[in-house]
Amino acid sequence: MNARHYPPASDLLHWEDFPKGSVRDCGSTRVSREAVLDFARQFDPQPFHVDDEAARNSLFGGLAASGWHTCSMAMRLMCDAYLLRSTSLGSPGLDELRWLKPVYPGDELKLRMTILDTRPMRSKPDVGLVQSHWELFNQHGDCVLSMKGWGMFRRRNPGAESPAVPNP
């Protein structure tokens, strides 16, 4: 088993590090045929996700990744970009999820996160809520996935107001 090395607590991103209006590029990933098939066989074995002929005859016109696989790839990019080096306490859920275009083997996907709102959690003053909009784009610049939801993060300064976007 590989041990994961996490940064010291003092280096972790806190609620204050996610100011409203800020935008973060969260990296990219290439979609492999093997990953599309592996995910679909295990979690979403609809014919257009697992069978080339059925996929050609579908609305997708070819093998397409499951929307849930697309969400999982976005989640991995979030983890690598910031969650694994943050005080994340999880999420109370998504408010919106849209699969806007199919994702195909060979696509290169890039994730962008925009902070829509932040506020302290009323019931837990040491926790702050961050509302984010994540957009996943393919290599053509088409948005293939749009999600909006909330994350919970420990606060560095529980008595402070919401973080502000830094001036350039």
Protein backbone atom coordinates (compact mmCIF):
# COMPACT_ATOMS: atom_id res chain seq x y z
CA MET A 1 0.00 0.00 0.00
CA ASN A 2 1.32 3.45 -0.91
CA ALA A 3 1.42 5.96 1.92
CA ARG A 4 0.07 9.39 1.01
CA HIS A 5 2.00 12.30 2.44
CA TYR A 6 -0.25 15.16 3.49
CA PRO A 7 1.03 18.67 4.11
CA PRO A 8 1.32 19.94 7.67
CA ALA A 9 -1.89 21.47 9.05
CA SER A 10 -0.39 24.97 8.88
CA ASP A 11 0.01 24.61 5.08
CA LEU A 12 -3.54 23.41 4.38
CA LEU A 13 -6.08 25.53 2.53
CA HIS A 14 -8.83 26.83 4.82
CA TRP A 15 -12.21 28.43 4.19
CA GLU A 16 -10.52 31.84 4.04
CA ASP A 17 -8.49 30.67 1.01
CA PHE A 18 -11.64 30.39 -1.17
CA PRO A 19 -12.85 33.97 -1.66
CA LYS A 20 -16.10 34.67 -3.51
CA GLY A 21 -15.45 35.38 -7.20
CA SER A 22 -12.11 33.57 -7.35
CA VAL A 23 -11.42 31.15 -10.19
CA ARG A 24 -9.11 28.16 -9.99
CA ASP A 25 -7.86 25.94 -12.82
CA CYS A 26 -7.90 22.38 -11.51
CA GLY A 27 -5.82 20.55 -14.08
CA SER A 28 -6.63 18.13 -16.84
CA THR A 29 -6.99 14.45 -17.60
CA ARG A 30 -7.12 12.35 -20.76
CA VAL A 31 -10.01 9.89 -21.07
CA SER A 32 -8.88 6.40 -22.00
CA ARG A 33 -11.00 3.76 -23.68
CA GLU A 34 -10.01 1.27 -21.00
CA ALA A 35 -11.18 3.59 -18.21
CA VAL A 36 -14.52 4.23 -19.97
CA LEU A 37 -15.12 0.49 -20.33
CA ASP A 38 -13.89 -0.41 -16.81
CA PHE A 39 -16.09 2.19 -15.13
CA ALA A 40 -19.15 1.36 -17.23
CA ARG A 41 -18.84 -2.40 -16.76
CA GLN A 42 -18.71 -1.93 -13.01
CA PHE A 43 -21.17 0.93 -12.43
CA ASP A 44 -23.19 1.87 -15.54
CA PRO A 45 -23.33 -1.05 -18.03
CA GLN A 46 -25.72 0.55 -20.49
CA PRO A 47 -24.95 -0.66 -24.05
CA PHE A 48 -23.65 2.71 -25.34
CA HIS A 49 -21.03 2.68 -22.56
CA VAL A 50 -19.80 -0.90 -23.04
CA ASP A 51 -20.47 -2.02 -26.63
CA ASP A 52 -19.02 -0.33 -29.73
CA GLU A 53 -21.80 -1.40 -32.10
CA ALA A 54 -24.57 -0.37 -29.72
CA ALA A 55 -22.75 2.92 -29.14
CA ARG A 56 -22.46 3.62 -32.91
CA ASN A 57 -26.22 3.10 -33.20
CA SER A 58 -27.00 5.34 -30.23
CA LEU A 59 -27.47 9.11 -30.00
CA PHE A 60 -23.77 9.33 -29.08
CA GLY A 61 -22.56 7.82 -32.36
CA GLY A 62 -19.72 6.05 -30.57
CA LEU A 63 -18.53 4.75 -27.23
CA ALA A 64 -19.23 7.44 -24.62
CA ALA A 65 -18.21 7.74 -20.97
CA SER A 66 -20.92 7.43 -18.35
CA GLY A 67 -21.95 10.77 -16.89
CA TRP A 68 -21.09 9.33 -13.48
CA HIS A 69 -17.61 8.52 -14.77
CA THR A 70 -17.33 12.12 -15.97
CA CYS A 71 -18.28 13.29 -12.47
CA SER A 72 -15.69 10.94 -10.98
CA MET A 73 -12.96 12.33 -13.25
CA ALA A 74 -13.92 15.87 -12.19
CA MET A 75 -13.78 14.78 -8.53
CA ARG A 76 -10.28 13.37 -9.00
CA LEU A 77 -9.14 16.65 -10.53
CA MET A 78 -10.61 18.52 -7.53
CA CYS A 79 -8.78 16.21 -5.12
CA ASP A 80 -5.45 16.66 -6.88
CA ALA A 81 -5.86 20.42 -7.36
CA TYR A 82 -6.89 21.43 -3.84
CA LEU A 83 -9.00 19.07 -1.72
CA LEU A 84 -6.15 16.80 -0.59
CA ARG A 85 -4.25 19.84 0.66
CA SER A 86 -7.19 21.49 2.37
CA THR A 87 -9.21 21.30 5.56
CA SER A 88 -12.16 19.89 3.62
CA LEU A 89 -14.85 18.38 5.80
CA GLY A 90 -16.88 17.00 2.90
CA SER A 91 -19.98 18.34 1.23
CA PRO A 92 -23.67 18.56 2.08
CA GLY A 93 -24.41 17.90 -1.60
CA LEU A 94 -24.88 19.28 -5.08
CA ASP A 95 -27.52 21.82 -6.09
CA GLU A 96 -27.12 21.27 -9.82
CA LEU A 97 -25.54 18.69 -12.11
CA ARG A 98 -25.67 18.86 -15.91
CA TRP A 99 -24.07 16.60 -18.51
CA LEU A 100 -23.94 18.99 -21.45
CA LYS A 101 -22.05 16.99 -24.09
CA PRO A 102 -20.82 13.41 -24.40
CA VAL A 103 -17.30 12.53 -23.32
CA TYR A 104 -15.43 10.15 -25.61
CA PRO A 105 -12.26 8.09 -25.29
CA GLY A 106 -9.33 10.30 -26.25
CA ASP A 107 -10.90 13.51 -24.97
CA GLU A 108 -8.70 15.80 -22.89
CA LEU A 109 -10.75 17.30 -20.06
CA LYS A 110 -9.90 20.46 -18.09
CA LEU A 111 -11.66 21.54 -14.90
CA ARG A 112 -12.33 25.11 -13.76
CA MET A 113 -13.81 26.07 -10.39
CA THR A 114 -15.45 29.41 -9.63
CA ILE A 115 -16.39 30.36 -6.07
CA LEU A 116 -19.99 31.63 -6.07
CA ASP A 117 -20.50 32.30 -2.37
CA THR A 118 -18.99 31.77 1.06
CA ARG A 119 -20.44 31.99 4.53
CA PRO A 120 -19.73 30.76 8.02
CA MET A 121 -21.79 27.79 9.13
CA ARG A 122 -24.31 29.03 11.71
CA SER A 123 -24.35 25.85 13.79
CA LYS A 124 -20.56 25.34 13.73
CA PRO A 125 -18.59 28.61 13.91
CA ASP A 126 -15.27 26.88 13.17
CA VAL A 127 -16.62 25.67 9.78
CA GLY A 128 -17.21 27.72 6.64
CA LEU A 129 -19.33 26.87 3.61
CA VAL A 130 -18.09 27.42 0.06
CA GLN A 131 -20.48 27.32 -2.91
CA SER A 132 -18.63 26.41 -6.10
CA HIS A 133 -19.40 26.07 -9.78
CA TRP A 134 -17.26 23.47 -11.54
CA GLU A 135 -17.06 23.37 -15.32
CA LEU A 136 -15.35 20.56 -17.22
CA PHE A 137 -14.25 21.41 -20.77
CA ASN A 138 -13.07 19.14 -23.57
CA GLN A 139 -10.14 19.85 -25.90
CA HIS A 140 -12.45 21.87 -28.20
CA GLY A 141 -13.42 24.24 -25.40
CA ASP A 142 -16.92 22.74 -25.11
CA CYS A 143 -18.34 22.52 -21.60
CA VAL A 144 -19.23 18.86 -21.07
CA LEU A 145 -20.16 19.00 -17.36
CA SER A 146 -21.48 21.71 -15.07
CA MET A 147 -21.93 21.22 -11.32
CA LYS A 148 -22.84 23.58 -8.50
CA GLY A 149 -22.56 22.60 -4.88
CA TRP A 150 -21.28 23.34 -1.42
CA GLY A 151 -18.14 22.30 0.42
CA MET A 152 -17.33 22.58 4.10
CA PHE A 153 -13.89 23.72 5.27
CA ARG A 154 -12.35 24.45 8.63
CA ARG A 155 -11.94 28.14 9.34
CA ARG A 156 -8.54 29.57 10.21
CA ASN A 157 -10.19 32.56 11.98
CA PRO A 158 -13.65 31.53 13.24
CA GLY A 159 -14.60 35.13 14.18
CA ALA A 160 -13.71 36.72 10.83
CA GLU A 161 -16.10 37.68 8.04
CA SER A 162 -16.25 35.96 4.63
CA PRO A 163 -13.00 36.03 2.67
CA ALA A 164 -12.62 38.72 0.01
CA VAL A 165 -11.12 38.36 -3.44
CA PRO A 166 -7.55 39.70 -3.23
CA ASN A 167 -6.79 42.83 -5.25
CA PRO A 168 -4.40 42.21 -8.16
